Each structure stands twice: as C-alpha cells, then as structure tokens.
Protein backbone atom coordinates (compact mmCIF):
# COMPACT_ATOMS: atom_id res chain seq x y z
CA MET A 1 -72.85 173.16 134.65
CA ALA A 2 -73.36 170.12 132.36
CA PHE A 3 -76.66 169.29 134.07
CA LEU A 4 -79.04 167.71 131.52
CA GLY A 5 -76.68 168.81 128.73
CA LEU A 6 -77.72 172.46 129.02
CA PHE A 7 -74.23 173.84 129.47
CA GLY A 8 -72.02 170.89 128.62
CA ASN A 9 -70.92 168.70 125.73
CA TYR A 10 -68.61 171.34 124.21
CA ASP A 11 -65.70 169.05 123.44
CA LYS A 12 -67.10 168.00 120.04
CA PRO A 13 -67.53 170.78 117.50
CA GLY A 14 -70.04 168.87 115.35
CA PRO A 15 -70.02 167.77 111.73
CA GLY A 16 -70.21 171.29 110.24
CA VAL A 17 -71.17 172.01 106.63
CA SER A 18 -69.50 170.63 103.52
CA LYS A 19 -67.65 173.20 101.42
CA ASP A 20 -68.78 171.49 98.25
CA GLU A 21 -72.45 171.76 99.16
CA PRO A 22 -74.26 174.24 96.89
CA PRO A 23 -75.73 177.27 98.69
CA LYS A 24 -79.41 177.02 99.56
CA ALA A 25 -81.99 179.74 99.58
CA ALA A 26 -81.59 182.12 102.51
CA PRO A 27 -84.96 181.30 104.21
CA VAL A 28 -84.20 177.61 103.93
CA ARG A 29 -80.76 177.99 105.51
CA PHE A 30 -82.21 180.26 108.20
CA PHE A 31 -84.64 177.61 109.43
CA GLU A 32 -82.19 174.76 108.90
CA ILE A 33 -79.57 176.47 111.08
CA PHE A 34 -82.30 177.42 113.61
CA ALA A 35 -83.45 173.80 113.88
CA ARG A 36 -79.91 172.44 114.05
CA LYS A 37 -78.80 174.93 116.75
CA PHE A 38 -82.11 175.12 118.66
CA THR A 39 -80.85 173.47 121.84
CA LYS A 40 -77.77 175.71 121.88
CA LEU A 41 -79.98 178.77 121.32
CA VAL A 42 -81.98 177.66 124.34
CA GLN A 43 -78.76 177.32 126.30
CA LEU A 44 -77.71 180.82 125.17
CA ASN A 45 -81.06 182.30 126.14
CA LEU A 46 -80.91 180.78 129.62
CA ILE A 47 -77.46 182.26 130.11
CA PHE A 48 -78.66 185.70 128.99
CA ILE A 49 -81.72 185.46 131.21
CA MET A 50 -79.55 185.56 134.35
CA PRO A 51 -78.34 189.20 133.93
CA THR A 52 -81.73 190.09 132.43
CA LEU A 53 -83.54 189.06 135.62
CA VAL A 54 -81.00 190.98 137.72
CA ALA A 55 -81.65 194.09 135.57
CA ALA A 56 -85.42 193.58 135.82
CA GLY A 57 -85.18 193.26 139.58
CA LEU A 58 -83.17 196.48 139.83
CA MET A 59 -85.75 198.28 137.62
CA PHE A 60 -88.54 197.07 139.92
CA LEU A 61 -86.71 198.30 143.00
CA ILE A 62 -86.14 201.71 141.41
CA TYR A 63 -89.81 201.81 140.43
CA LEU A 64 -90.81 201.18 144.05
CA TRP A 65 -88.67 204.12 145.24
CA PRO A 66 -91.06 206.89 146.42
CA THR A 67 -89.33 209.66 144.42
CA HIS A 68 -91.86 209.67 141.58
CA PHE A 69 -92.52 212.89 139.69
CA GLY A 70 -95.00 213.80 136.98
CA ILE A 71 -94.33 215.57 133.69
CA SER A 72 -97.23 217.68 132.50
CA LEU A 73 -97.91 218.08 128.77
CA SER A 74 -100.53 220.00 126.79
CA GLY A 75 -101.06 222.54 129.54
CA GLY A 76 -101.51 219.89 132.18
CA ALA A 77 -104.05 217.86 130.25
CA ILE A 78 -101.59 214.89 130.12
CA THR A 79 -99.25 213.82 132.89
CA ILE A 80 -96.71 211.03 132.60
CA ASP A 81 -94.76 209.37 135.34
CA GLY A 82 -91.25 210.71 134.66
CA TRP A 83 -89.64 208.43 137.29
CA ALA A 84 -91.09 205.22 135.81
CA THR A 85 -90.52 206.31 132.22
CA PHE A 86 -87.02 207.76 132.35
CA VAL A 87 -85.35 206.67 135.57
CA ALA A 88 -86.50 203.09 136.12
CA PRO A 89 -84.95 201.85 132.79
CA LEU A 90 -81.43 202.85 133.95
CA PRO A 91 -80.36 199.26 134.87
CA LEU A 92 -80.76 198.30 131.21
CA ILE A 93 -77.45 200.08 130.63
CA LEU A 94 -75.82 197.45 132.89
CA LEU A 95 -77.41 194.71 130.79
CA SER A 96 -75.90 195.96 127.54
CA PRO A 97 -72.39 194.36 127.99
CA PHE A 98 -74.01 190.89 128.05
CA MET A 99 -75.24 191.61 124.52
CA ALA A 100 -71.65 190.90 123.45
CA GLY A 101 -71.99 187.25 124.51
CA LEU A 102 -75.33 186.94 122.81
CA THR A 103 -73.98 188.46 119.62
CA ILE A 104 -70.76 186.47 119.32
CA VAL A 105 -72.57 183.11 119.58
CA THR A 106 -75.45 183.90 117.27
CA ARG A 107 -73.05 185.50 114.77
CA ASN A 108 -71.13 182.23 114.59
CA PHE A 109 -74.32 180.28 114.20
CA ALA A 110 -75.45 182.67 111.43
CA ARG A 111 -72.26 182.07 109.44
CA GLU A 112 -72.47 178.34 110.19
CA GLU A 113 -69.46 178.24 112.50
CA HIS A 114 -69.18 176.36 115.80
CA ALA A 115 -69.45 178.24 119.11
CA PHE A 116 -68.80 177.08 122.68
CA VAL A 117 -71.89 178.67 124.12
CA TRP A 118 -70.84 179.11 127.72
CA SER A 119 -67.17 180.01 127.31
CA ASP A 120 -67.60 182.11 124.15
CA PHE A 121 -70.39 184.07 125.80
CA TRP A 122 -68.34 185.12 128.79
CA ASP A 123 -65.17 185.65 126.81
CA ALA A 124 -67.05 188.07 124.56
CA VAL A 125 -68.47 189.92 127.53
CA LYS A 126 -65.00 190.29 129.12
CA GLY A 127 -63.40 191.46 125.82
CA ASN A 128 -66.11 193.89 124.62
CA TRP A 129 -67.85 195.22 127.71
CA LYS A 130 -66.54 198.79 127.39
CA TYR A 131 -67.97 199.40 123.90
CA PHE A 132 -71.29 197.71 124.71
CA LEU A 133 -71.62 199.61 128.02
CA LEU A 134 -70.93 202.91 126.23
CA ASN A 135 -73.39 202.04 123.50
CA GLY A 136 -75.97 201.16 126.17
CA ALA A 137 -75.56 204.55 127.77
CA ILE A 138 -75.97 206.25 124.38
CA CYS A 139 -79.09 204.19 123.67
CA TYR A 140 -80.53 205.22 127.00
CA LEU A 141 -79.88 208.93 126.38
CA VAL A 142 -81.24 208.81 122.82
CA PHE A 143 -84.30 206.87 124.03
CA THR A 144 -84.95 209.43 126.81
CA ILE A 145 -84.59 212.45 124.57
CA LEU A 146 -86.54 211.02 121.62
CA MET A 147 -89.32 209.58 123.74
CA PHE A 148 -89.89 212.85 125.56
CA SER A 149 -89.68 214.79 122.30
CA ILE A 150 -92.16 212.55 120.43
CA ILE A 151 -94.68 212.70 123.30
CA TYR A 152 -94.29 216.48 123.53
CA TYR A 153 -94.57 217.21 119.80
CA TYR A 154 -97.43 214.75 119.37
CA ASN A 155 -99.48 216.54 121.97
CA MET A 156 -98.57 219.98 120.72
CA ALA A 157 -99.46 218.99 117.13
CA ALA A 158 -103.08 218.49 118.21
CA SER A 159 -103.47 222.26 118.41
CA GLN A 160 -100.66 223.59 116.14
CA TRP A 161 -100.05 221.64 112.92
CA PHE A 162 -96.43 222.80 112.36
CA TYR A 163 -95.34 220.66 115.35
CA TYR A 164 -95.80 217.68 113.00
CA VAL A 165 -92.51 218.67 111.29
CA PRO A 166 -90.31 218.13 114.37
CA LEU A 167 -92.49 215.14 115.34
CA TRP A 168 -91.80 213.24 112.14
CA LEU A 169 -88.12 214.27 112.17
CA CYS A 170 -87.88 212.61 115.62
CA VAL A 171 -89.66 209.52 114.31
CA LEU A 172 -87.30 209.38 111.28
CA PHE A 173 -84.20 209.68 113.46
CA SER A 174 -85.60 207.00 115.80
CA LEU A 175 -85.82 204.59 112.86
CA ILE A 176 -82.34 205.47 111.65
CA PHE A 177 -80.93 204.95 115.12
CA LEU A 178 -82.77 201.63 115.44
CA PHE A 179 -81.39 200.47 112.10
CA ALA A 180 -77.88 201.33 113.21
CA GLN A 181 -78.33 199.17 116.28
CA TYR A 182 -78.82 196.11 114.05
CA TYR A 183 -75.17 196.44 112.95
CA LEU A 184 -73.27 197.85 115.90
CA PRO A 185 -73.12 194.67 118.13
CA VAL A 186 -71.74 192.42 115.42
CA MET A 187 -69.17 195.08 114.38
CA PHE A 188 -68.08 195.47 118.01
CA VAL A 189 -67.34 191.72 118.37
CA THR A 190 -65.93 191.19 114.86
CA PHE A 191 -63.64 194.16 114.19
CA ASP A 192 -61.00 196.15 115.96
CA LEU A 193 -62.64 199.50 115.24
CA LYS A 194 -62.70 202.83 117.01
CA PHE A 195 -66.09 203.43 118.59
CA THR A 196 -66.80 206.41 116.36
CA HIS A 197 -65.84 204.49 113.21
CA ALA A 198 -68.24 201.70 114.15
CA TYR A 199 -71.03 204.21 114.49
CA LYS A 200 -70.14 205.80 111.19
CA ASN A 201 -70.22 202.42 109.46
CA ALA A 202 -73.56 201.54 111.15
CA PHE A 203 -75.22 204.69 109.90
CA ILE A 204 -73.93 204.01 106.40
CA PHE A 205 -75.42 200.48 106.67
CA THR A 206 -78.83 202.02 107.44
CA LEU A 207 -78.93 202.84 103.73
CA ALA A 208 -76.82 200.00 102.34
CA GLY A 209 -79.04 197.42 104.07
CA PHE A 210 -82.29 199.39 103.94
CA GLY A 211 -84.42 196.50 102.71
CA ARG A 212 -83.12 194.21 105.42
CA ASN A 213 -83.63 196.90 108.04
CA ILE A 214 -87.27 197.37 107.06
CA LEU A 215 -87.83 193.63 107.09
CA LEU A 216 -86.37 193.25 110.59
CA THR A 217 -88.37 196.21 111.91
CA ALA A 218 -91.60 194.82 110.44
CA ILE A 219 -90.97 191.43 112.03
CA PHE A 220 -90.29 192.96 115.43
CA ALA A 221 -93.29 195.27 115.13
CA GLY A 222 -95.47 192.22 114.38
CA MET A 223 -94.07 190.37 117.36
CA LEU A 224 -94.83 193.38 119.59
CA LEU A 225 -98.40 193.73 118.26
CA LEU A 226 -98.98 190.03 119.00
CA PHE A 227 -97.72 190.57 122.54
CA LEU A 228 -99.95 193.65 123.09
CA PHE A 229 -103.24 192.50 121.50
CA LEU A 230 -103.48 188.76 122.14
CA PRO A 231 -105.97 188.19 124.98
CA PRO A 232 -104.28 187.57 128.37
CA LEU A 233 -105.49 183.96 128.66
CA ASN A 234 -103.61 181.50 130.88
CA ILE A 235 -102.24 179.57 127.89
CA VAL A 236 -101.10 182.78 126.22
CA VAL A 237 -99.35 183.93 129.36
CA PHE A 238 -97.64 180.52 129.63
CA ILE A 239 -96.44 180.71 126.03
CA TYR A 240 -95.09 184.18 126.64
CA ALA A 241 -93.22 183.06 129.73
CA PHE A 242 -91.84 180.03 127.88
CA LEU A 243 -90.58 182.09 124.97
CA PHE A 244 -89.13 184.74 127.27
CA PHE A 245 -87.06 182.31 129.37
CA PHE A 246 -86.03 179.80 126.67
CA ILE A 247 -85.73 181.36 123.19
CA LEU A 248 -86.79 185.01 122.76
CA PHE A 249 -83.47 186.85 123.15
CA SER A 250 -81.29 184.34 121.38
CA PHE A 251 -83.82 184.11 118.50
CA ILE A 252 -83.90 187.91 118.05
CA SER A 253 -80.07 188.07 118.05
CA TYR A 254 -79.84 185.16 115.62
CA LEU A 255 -82.43 186.73 113.33
CA VAL A 256 -80.63 190.10 113.25
CA ASN A 257 -77.17 188.61 112.68
CA PHE A 258 -78.33 186.27 109.94
CA THR A 259 -80.09 189.11 108.15
CA VAL A 260 -77.35 191.79 108.32
CA TYR A 261 -74.17 189.73 108.22
CA SER A 262 -74.01 189.52 104.43
CA ILE A 263 -73.94 193.32 104.23
CA ILE A 264 -71.03 193.50 106.72
CA ASP A 265 -69.27 190.65 104.90
CA ARG A 266 -69.57 192.39 101.55
CA TYR A 267 -68.47 195.89 102.60
CA LEU A 268 -66.12 195.13 105.51
CA ILE A 269 -64.75 191.60 105.65
CA GLN A 270 -64.08 190.87 101.97
CA PRO A 271 -62.28 194.19 101.29
CA TYR A 272 -60.32 193.83 104.56
CA ASN A 273 -59.17 190.32 103.63
CA ARG A 274 -58.00 191.55 100.22
CA MET A 275 -56.22 194.49 101.89
CA LYS A 276 -54.38 192.02 104.24
CA ALA A 277 -53.37 189.98 101.16
CA GLY A 278 -51.80 193.06 99.64
CA GLU A 279 -54.45 193.58 96.95
CA GLU A 280 -55.86 196.93 95.94
CA PRO A 281 -59.10 197.72 97.76
CA GLU A 282 -62.01 197.34 95.42
CA GLU A 283 -65.69 196.52 95.38
CA SER A 284 -66.61 193.16 96.97
CA SER A 285 -67.42 190.40 94.56
CA THR A 286 -70.98 189.05 94.56
CA SER A 287 -69.96 185.41 95.08
CA GLN A 288 -69.78 185.71 98.85
CA GLU A 289 -73.05 187.60 98.84
CA GLU A 290 -74.61 184.62 97.14
CA ASP A 291 -73.09 182.29 99.77
CA PHE A 292 -74.57 184.42 102.57
CA SER A 293 -77.36 186.58 101.24
CA GLY A 294 -79.27 187.04 104.46
CA LEU A 295 -83.08 186.88 104.77
CA PHE A 296 -83.72 189.84 102.47
CA ALA A 297 -81.91 188.23 99.57
CA GLN A 298 -81.78 189.87 96.10
CA ILE A 299 -80.53 188.60 92.78
CA PRO A 300 -76.93 189.81 92.49
CA GLU A 301 -76.32 192.28 89.74
CA GLU A 302 -73.27 192.99 87.71
CA PRO A 303 -71.14 195.61 89.39
CA ASP A 304 -71.56 199.10 87.93
CA GLU A 305 -68.18 200.71 87.78
CA SER A 306 -69.84 204.12 87.42
CA GLU A 307 -71.31 203.89 90.95
CA ASP A 308 -69.38 205.45 93.77
CA ARG A 309 -69.25 202.51 96.17
CA TYR A 310 -67.90 202.25 99.67
CA VAL A 311 -64.85 200.12 100.49
CA TYR A 312 -63.29 199.21 103.88
CA VAL A 313 -59.95 200.89 104.52
CA ASN A 314 -58.27 201.06 107.96
CA GLY A 315 -61.41 200.45 109.93
CA LYS A 316 -63.64 202.85 107.97
CA LEU A 317 -65.95 202.81 105.01
CA VAL A 318 -64.83 205.34 102.42
CA LYS A 319 -65.97 206.10 98.90
CA LYS A 320 -63.83 204.73 96.05
CA SER A 321 -63.67 208.18 94.49
CA GLN A 322 -62.35 209.66 97.74
CA LEU A 323 -59.78 206.92 98.00
CA LYS A 324 -58.58 207.58 94.47
CA ASP A 325 -58.40 211.37 95.16
CA ASN A 326 -56.26 210.73 98.23
CA GLU A 327 -53.92 208.51 96.22
CA LYS A 328 -53.53 211.18 93.56
CA ALA A 329 -52.89 213.84 96.21
CA GLU A 330 -50.09 211.70 97.65
C-alpha cells in the first residue's frame, strides 16, 4: 500500500510544532496546517472514497429497482418519486461508520497532532462503528421525516398561510440538527460518553458555538450553490471529479473539526482534565481558547462569574448553579 507514497511513510511522525512558538491567527493556522497536511488529506480522501463508491453503487442499484412509487402533494398537482427520494439513500447509513476514520485523522490534524492515516482510520472505524451507525440511522430518519414535512407544508402554505408556521419550525429544527452533527463525530471519537449524553452536549453546542455553526453552514451552502449553478462545461466537470476523489470529504471534515474543536476543548476537555487532577470543576480558562480559537475566533473576554456557565462532569454538560445545588443537597 506504499505505492507512490500514498499509503506509506508512516514511520516518521514529522517535526511537529514548537511549544514556544506564539499562537498565530486562526485563519493563518488553518491554511498552514492544510498546506502542510495536504498530501495526507488526499490519502485520507482516497481511503474514504472506497466505501463511498460502494454506497453510491448500492444506491444506484436500489434506484434501478422497479418498485418506484409516487407521493402526491397539493391535491395531485405535485408528485415526487418516493422510492428515489426516501428509499435509495438507505446505503448512506452503511457509510456512516467510516466517518469515524475521517474524523479521527482530521481531528488530529486540526489540533496539530500526528496521525497514521491508514491505521488510525481503520482503528477508529473498528472502535466507533456502533455509535456512528446508530447516528447514521437517526440522520436518515430525521432527513426522511423533515424532508417530507417541508415539501408538504411548503405546498400547503401556497393556499393556506398558517402552514408557514410548521414549515418554518421544520426548517429551524433542520438547522439545529445540522449544527449538532458538526459536534457529534468528534465527540464520539474523543470521549467515552453515552450516546444520549453526546447528543445532549451536541444540542447545547448548537448555541455555545452558534457563530461557528452559522459560518460552517454558510460555507457549505456556498459550495453547494457553486456546484448547482456553475455551467456543466468539460473543465468544470473535470474539476468536480478531481475534488470529489482527492480532497472534498477530507477537506470538509478538517474544516468542521478545526472550527468546532475549540468549543469542545473549552467546555469538555479542559474541565475534564482538571477533574482528573482532583481540582474543583470550574469554567475553562481562556488561554487554551486563544491557542485554538477555531475559524470563527473572537477576542476572549474576562469570565463573568454571574453567568450560569456549563461545565463537564461525568460525561455531561451541567450548569454550575445546578452542580452547586447538588453539592448542597448532599
């Protein structure tokens, strides 16, 4: 597998980063790491492409199955292919465990740690496939329900305005669920959490990292718009194919992990390390946030003791006031 260096040369971890080097601006570090790890990101993408192509092949075979059925909306004015829309994407659930390998490598790159691309990828898949598979099934169910609901309420709202209320509620929940997905993969591979606790933390992070979540969503929306509206010229198709096979998935995973990791570090890792050291759980200091501020960096503020902040205790985010109340009750 060491052909042309794509999957080899893992015996030397590389020079790393000096501890005495002052932290650089987040966008600068993002592109420096990306340039330094570009070949390994290509390797990672090529590994992830293998199960992706298998899933795509299964989706195509399911699509060719003659059991198609239509779903009529707006009194039969609109009909969607229910088989292609809701049944054909089922193999994507089987692809979800391989997200563990993608996440573990790009997480290490994002926090400037070495990763053995091939071995770390498959070790992460073996060690985390259950949570990722379950999350993939949940994503499929939520996608199916929300997509049908949004299509239905959108068409009904054309004649009855009050259908806009459930329509926008579905859109809002779709965004919240999407934001939670930015945090779940890295929590699955980083912490020994119960599945429900990871989901609870992820939904809390939809607010704690709101600015970063909006930034990521805007970037992905821009990428999608470019894909949809650029003219299908030969050179454009070639560029799309090149990006898909060599860098697209690893870049997206790296971008997400670089952007959200500082939130997870501040609210989960730092309090957990202090708890292991026998210190009282308290708000994370801002020094580590400055070391790893993510793309959506803000100037750190002095901690406001009057704010009811969340701290990490026994695999969960809890409010400091709730923690103090529990201690008094004991």
